[in-house]
N, C-alpha and C. Protein backbone atom coordinates (compact mmCIF):
# COMPACT_ATOMS: atom_id res chain seq x y z
N MET A 1 105.04 116.87 105.25
CA MET A 1 106.43 116.09 104.53
C MET A 1 107.15 115.10 105.39
N ILE A 2 107.54 114.31 104.12
CA ILE A 2 107.68 113.02 104.72
C ILE A 2 108.85 112.71 103.91
N GLU A 3 110.75 112.84 104.61
CA GLU A 3 111.15 111.98 103.87
C GLU A 3 111.99 111.08 103.92
N ILE A 4 112.83 109.99 103.24
CA ILE A 4 113.39 109.01 103.45
C ILE A 4 114.70 109.00 102.61
N LEU A 5 115.32 108.31 103.65
CA LEU A 5 117.07 108.65 103.47
C LEU A 5 117.33 107.17 102.88
N HIS A 6 117.73 107.20 101.59
CA HIS A 6 117.19 106.26 100.43
C HIS A 6 118.83 105.63 99.95
N ASN A 7 119.73 104.53 100.04
CA ASN A 7 120.33 104.13 99.49
C ASN A 7 119.74 103.15 97.90
N PRO A 8 119.60 102.94 96.74
CA PRO A 8 118.21 103.04 95.73
C PRO A 8 119.53 101.20 95.51
N ARG A 9 120.73 101.52 96.08
CA ARG A 9 121.56 100.32 95.94
C ARG A 9 121.48 98.96 96.88
N CYS A 10 120.42 99.22 98.28
CA CYS A 10 120.18 98.75 99.81
C CYS A 10 118.65 97.72 99.84
N GLY A 11 118.59 97.29 99.36
CA GLY A 11 117.31 96.03 99.89
C GLY A 11 116.72 96.90 100.94
N LYS A 12 117.10 96.77 102.04
CA LYS A 12 116.38 97.22 103.32
C LYS A 12 115.96 98.59 102.54
N SER A 13 116.58 99.64 102.11
CA SER A 13 115.67 100.75 101.79
C SER A 13 115.08 100.78 101.01
N ARG A 14 115.32 100.31 99.68
CA ARG A 14 114.22 100.16 98.96
C ARG A 14 112.94 98.64 99.37
N GLU A 15 113.34 97.97 100.22
CA GLU A 15 111.50 97.49 100.64
C GLU A 15 110.97 98.97 101.97
N GLY A 16 111.96 99.21 101.93
CA GLY A 16 111.38 100.42 102.74
C GLY A 16 110.80 101.40 101.86
N LYS A 17 111.86 102.53 101.08
CA LYS A 17 110.75 102.79 100.07
C LYS A 17 109.08 102.10 99.36
N ALA A 18 108.79 100.76 99.23
CA ALA A 18 107.63 100.17 98.69
C ALA A 18 106.91 100.32 100.07
N ILE A 19 107.58 100.29 101.12
CA ILE A 19 106.15 99.82 102.12
C ILE A 19 105.78 101.39 101.86
N LEU A 20 106.36 102.85 102.25
CA LEU A 20 105.83 103.72 102.27
C LEU A 20 104.56 104.11 100.70
N ASP A 21 105.28 103.24 99.32
CA ASP A 21 104.00 102.75 98.47
C ASP A 21 102.71 102.59 99.00
N GLU A 22 103.11 101.18 99.63
CA GLU A 22 101.84 100.22 99.87
C GLU A 22 101.23 101.00 100.32
N LEU A 23 101.70 102.26 101.60
CA LEU A 23 100.75 102.75 102.58
C LEU A 23 100.04 104.44 101.65
N GLY A 24 100.38 104.32 100.66
CA GLY A 24 100.43 106.01 100.23
C GLY A 24 100.16 107.01 100.48
N LYS A 25 101.64 106.96 100.84
CA LYS A 25 102.60 108.69 101.96
C LYS A 25 103.27 108.71 100.07
N GLU A 26 102.95 110.40 100.27
CA GLU A 26 104.06 110.85 99.53
C GLU A 26 104.75 111.01 100.13
N TYR A 27 106.02 111.21 99.06
CA TYR A 27 107.32 111.42 100.46
C TYR A 27 108.91 111.92 99.17
N GLU A 28 109.79 112.48 100.15
CA GLU A 28 110.57 112.88 99.44
C GLU A 28 112.07 112.04 99.58
N ILE A 29 112.54 111.67 98.67
CA ILE A 29 113.37 110.70 98.54
C ILE A 29 114.47 111.59 98.68
N VAL A 30 115.28 111.07 99.47
CA VAL A 30 117.22 111.86 100.18
C VAL A 30 117.96 110.97 100.03
N ASN A 31 119.01 110.89 98.24
CA ASN A 31 119.60 109.91 98.50
C ASN A 31 120.78 110.98 99.09
N TYR A 32 121.27 110.55 100.23
CA TYR A 32 121.97 110.78 100.93
C TYR A 32 123.44 110.93 100.81
N LEU A 33 123.93 109.45 99.59
CA LEU A 33 124.89 109.25 99.48
C LEU A 33 125.70 110.28 98.25
N LYS A 34 124.39 110.77 97.56
CA LYS A 34 124.77 111.56 96.16
C LYS A 34 124.54 113.35 97.23
N GLU A 35 123.86 113.46 97.21
CA GLU A 35 123.27 114.40 98.33
C GLU A 35 123.41 114.62 99.26
N PRO A 36 125.02 114.83 100.11
CA PRO A 36 125.31 114.93 101.64
C PRO A 36 124.24 115.43 101.67
N ILE A 37 123.42 115.26 103.43
CA ILE A 37 123.53 116.01 103.91
C ILE A 37 123.89 117.06 105.14
N SER A 38 123.15 118.09 105.95
CA SER A 38 124.21 119.16 106.35
C SER A 38 124.56 118.41 108.01
N GLU A 39 125.45 119.17 108.51
CA GLU A 39 125.34 118.73 109.93
C GLU A 39 123.92 119.43 111.24
N SER A 40 123.31 120.73 110.48
CA SER A 40 121.63 120.81 111.88
C SER A 40 121.00 119.76 110.73
N LYS A 41 121.10 119.10 109.44
CA LYS A 41 119.54 118.17 109.32
C LYS A 41 119.89 116.49 109.63
N LEU A 42 121.28 116.26 109.95
CA LEU A 42 121.36 114.90 111.09
C LEU A 42 121.75 115.84 112.31
N GLU A 43 121.44 115.95 112.93
CA GLU A 43 121.55 116.85 114.02
C GLU A 43 119.86 116.27 114.41
N GLU A 44 118.98 117.25 113.28
CA GLU A 44 117.62 117.05 113.59
C GLU A 44 117.19 116.13 113.80
N ILE A 45 117.34 114.97 112.87
CA ILE A 45 117.27 113.09 112.62
C ILE A 45 117.39 113.03 113.67
N LEU A 46 119.12 112.95 114.39
CA LEU A 46 118.67 112.39 115.75
C LEU A 46 118.44 112.55 116.81
N LYS A 47 117.94 113.58 117.04
CA LYS A 47 116.49 114.66 117.84
C LYS A 47 114.93 113.50 117.54
N LYS A 48 114.71 113.36 116.26
CA LYS A 48 113.51 113.53 115.91
C LYS A 48 113.84 111.33 116.00
N LEU A 49 114.53 110.90 115.91
CA LEU A 49 114.69 109.78 116.49
C LEU A 49 115.64 109.37 118.04
N LYS A 50 115.35 110.35 118.50
CA LYS A 50 116.02 110.31 119.84
C LYS A 50 117.02 109.01 120.37
N CYS A 51 118.16 109.24 119.32
CA CYS A 51 119.05 108.35 119.85
C CYS A 51 120.02 109.55 119.57
N SER A 52 121.90 108.55 119.92
CA SER A 52 122.27 109.45 119.37
C SER A 52 123.06 108.60 118.33
N ALA A 53 124.52 109.53 117.86
CA ALA A 53 125.05 108.99 116.12
C ALA A 53 125.14 107.77 116.40
N GLN A 54 125.88 107.14 117.40
CA GLN A 54 125.91 105.80 117.53
C GLN A 54 125.27 105.12 117.20
N ALA A 55 124.11 104.94 117.40
CA ALA A 55 122.47 104.34 117.41
C ALA A 55 122.39 104.27 115.75
N ILE A 56 122.73 105.15 114.87
CA ILE A 56 122.93 104.73 113.87
C ILE A 56 123.85 104.58 113.03
N ILE A 57 124.62 103.80 113.31
CA ILE A 57 126.19 103.67 112.86
C ILE A 57 126.08 102.23 112.04
N ARG A 58 126.55 102.09 110.84
CA ARG A 58 126.52 101.40 110.33
C ARG A 58 127.69 100.51 110.57
N THR A 59 127.93 99.94 111.80
CA THR A 59 129.02 98.78 112.54
C THR A 59 129.66 98.07 112.46
N LYS A 60 128.58 97.57 110.60
CA LYS A 60 129.73 95.69 109.81
C LYS A 60 129.98 96.23 109.16
N GLU A 61 130.13 97.99 108.76
CA GLU A 61 130.71 98.16 107.16
C GLU A 61 132.07 98.51 107.44
N PRO A 62 133.47 97.93 106.83
CA PRO A 62 134.58 97.80 106.54
C PRO A 62 135.41 99.00 106.71
N LEU A 63 134.26 99.95 105.71
CA LEU A 63 134.94 100.85 106.79
C LEU A 63 134.93 101.69 108.58
N TRP A 64 133.80 101.51 108.67
CA TRP A 64 133.99 101.80 110.21
C TRP A 64 134.72 100.52 111.05
N ILE A 65 134.78 99.34 110.95
CA ILE A 65 135.16 98.17 111.50
C ILE A 65 137.10 98.38 111.41
N THR A 66 137.43 98.75 110.21
CA THR A 66 139.38 99.23 110.29
C THR A 66 138.92 100.63 110.59
N GLN A 67 138.72 101.90 110.20
CA GLN A 67 138.90 103.23 110.83
C GLN A 67 138.35 103.82 112.04
N TYR A 68 137.54 102.50 112.83
CA TYR A 68 136.69 103.72 113.57
C TYR A 68 136.23 103.11 114.83
N LYS A 69 135.85 101.58 114.80
CA LYS A 69 135.58 100.88 116.20
C LYS A 69 135.92 100.37 117.14
N ASP A 70 137.71 101.00 117.49
CA ASP A 70 137.76 100.88 118.84
C ASP A 70 138.38 102.33 119.40
N LYS A 71 138.08 103.09 118.91
CA LYS A 71 138.27 104.98 118.92
C LYS A 71 137.27 104.62 120.08
N ASN A 72 137.78 105.55 121.17
CA ASN A 72 136.84 106.20 121.88
C ASN A 72 136.21 107.82 121.20
N LEU A 73 134.89 107.96 120.67
CA LEU A 73 134.98 108.95 120.35
C LEU A 73 133.25 109.39 120.50
N SER A 74 133.81 111.37 120.50
CA SER A 74 132.58 111.90 121.18
C SER A 74 131.17 112.21 120.54
N GLU A 75 130.44 112.35 120.49
CA GLU A 75 129.25 112.66 120.37
C GLU A 75 129.64 113.40 118.75
N LYS A 76 130.28 114.68 119.10
CA LYS A 76 130.15 115.56 118.03
C LYS A 76 131.23 114.82 116.96
N GLN A 77 132.75 114.01 117.02
CA GLN A 77 132.81 113.44 116.79
C GLN A 77 132.73 112.40 115.90
N LEU A 78 131.71 111.94 115.93
CA LEU A 78 130.82 110.53 115.41
C LEU A 78 130.28 111.40 114.22
N ILE A 79 129.13 112.15 114.59
CA ILE A 79 128.30 113.04 113.72
C ILE A 79 129.25 114.04 112.15
N GLN A 80 130.76 114.28 112.50
CA GLN A 80 131.24 114.07 111.50
C GLN A 80 131.51 112.72 111.58
N ILE A 81 131.78 112.09 111.61
CA ILE A 81 132.44 110.97 110.91
C ILE A 81 131.28 110.14 110.16
N LEU A 82 129.43 110.29 110.32
CA LEU A 82 128.75 110.53 109.49
C LEU A 82 128.66 111.80 108.12
N LEU A 83 129.12 112.29 108.85
CA LEU A 83 128.90 113.69 107.65
C LEU A 83 129.96 112.85 106.11
N GLU A 84 130.96 113.46 106.72
CA GLU A 84 132.12 112.66 105.36
C GLU A 84 132.78 111.07 105.24
N ASN A 85 131.47 110.52 106.08
CA ASN A 85 131.16 109.09 105.37
C ASN A 85 129.64 108.47 105.17
N PRO A 86 128.51 109.08 105.16
CA PRO A 86 127.55 109.37 104.49
C PRO A 86 127.16 107.41 104.40
N ILE A 87 127.95 106.73 103.65
CA ILE A 87 128.02 104.98 103.45
C ILE A 87 127.85 104.35 104.97
N LEU A 88 128.25 105.18 106.29
CA LEU A 88 127.85 104.41 107.52
C LEU A 88 126.34 104.60 107.99
N ILE A 89 126.04 105.50 107.22
CA ILE A 89 124.39 106.20 107.91
C ILE A 89 123.62 104.75 107.52
N GLU A 90 123.03 104.17 108.69
CA GLU A 90 122.09 103.35 108.73
C GLU A 90 120.51 103.59 107.87
N ARG A 91 120.13 102.49 106.94
CA ARG A 91 118.89 102.87 106.02
C ARG A 91 117.85 101.72 106.00
N PRO A 92 116.88 102.22 106.04
CA PRO A 92 116.71 103.31 105.57
C PRO A 92 116.39 104.21 106.72
N ILE A 93 115.91 105.82 106.79
CA ILE A 93 115.42 106.48 107.69
C ILE A 93 114.19 106.80 107.17
N VAL A 94 113.08 106.94 108.19
CA VAL A 94 112.18 107.70 107.31
C VAL A 94 112.07 109.26 108.27
N ILE A 95 112.03 110.39 108.35
CA ILE A 95 112.14 111.75 108.57
C ILE A 95 110.34 111.73 108.12
N THR A 96 109.33 112.42 109.59
CA THR A 96 108.58 113.25 109.37
C THR A 96 108.66 114.85 110.01
N ASP A 97 107.72 116.12 110.78
CA ASP A 97 107.68 116.58 111.11
C ASP A 97 108.32 116.77 111.91
N SER A 98 107.76 115.53 112.64
CA SER A 98 107.75 115.66 114.69
C SER A 98 108.59 113.94 114.73
N LYS A 99 108.88 113.10 114.05
CA LYS A 99 109.25 112.23 114.43
C LYS A 99 110.01 111.24 113.16
N ALA A 100 110.97 110.86 113.63
CA ALA A 100 111.62 109.77 112.26
C ALA A 100 111.81 108.01 113.28
N ILE A 101 112.39 106.99 112.04
CA ILE A 101 112.48 105.63 112.40
C ILE A 101 113.35 105.51 111.48
N VAL A 102 114.53 104.31 112.45
CA VAL A 102 115.08 103.72 111.49
C VAL A 102 114.27 102.65 110.78
N GLY A 103 114.18 102.30 109.74
CA GLY A 103 113.15 100.93 108.94
C GLY A 103 114.47 99.53 109.19
N ARG A 104 114.35 99.18 110.09
CA ARG A 104 115.54 97.79 110.41
C ARG A 104 115.17 96.98 111.37
N PRO A 105 114.24 96.52 111.19
CA PRO A 105 113.56 95.67 109.63
C PRO A 105 112.60 96.96 109.08
N PRO A 106 112.51 97.11 107.61
CA PRO A 106 111.29 98.16 107.11
C PRO A 106 109.79 98.19 107.70
N VAL A 107 109.68 97.10 108.03
CA VAL A 107 107.96 97.10 107.98
C VAL A 107 107.76 98.06 109.76
N LEU A 108 108.97 98.52 110.54
CA LEU A 108 109.05 99.04 111.44
C LEU A 108 108.05 100.43 111.17
N ILE A 109 108.67 101.30 109.46
CA ILE A 109 108.09 102.27 109.07
C ILE A 109 106.43 102.59 109.40
N LYS A 110 105.63 101.15 109.16
CA LYS A 110 104.43 101.26 109.31
C LYS A 110 103.87 102.10 110.67
N THR A 111 105.16 101.56 111.68
CA THR A 111 104.51 102.09 112.97
C THR A 111 104.86 103.75 112.67
N LEU A 112 105.73 104.41 112.54
CA LEU A 112 105.29 105.81 112.19
C LEU A 112 104.10 106.29 111.82
N PHE A 113 102.90 105.77 110.81
CA PHE A 113 102.52 106.12 110.87
C PHE A 113 100.94 105.62 111.97
């Protein structure tokens, strides 16, 4: 099972989806801005990415800059912020049964397979 955390309005996310199509992979689209992911799902993704929540935050997003940038936040607080503000989650993220990758740049998605 392959999933892609996808924002159809994001060019990089669309490129990531196109790479999966080019590779002939079957996948499920998770439009995480409309269908919020659970805390356990986000923690599972972070484990598969082998990174902290900080590593998948879109730090150039105005919301991050104005409300969170200069705060000293714990991992748990960062996860909660991402759950409450999914626009801050980097995209696309492609997830398999055993691992995941942030497709920035989208060509990195190919290294997952």
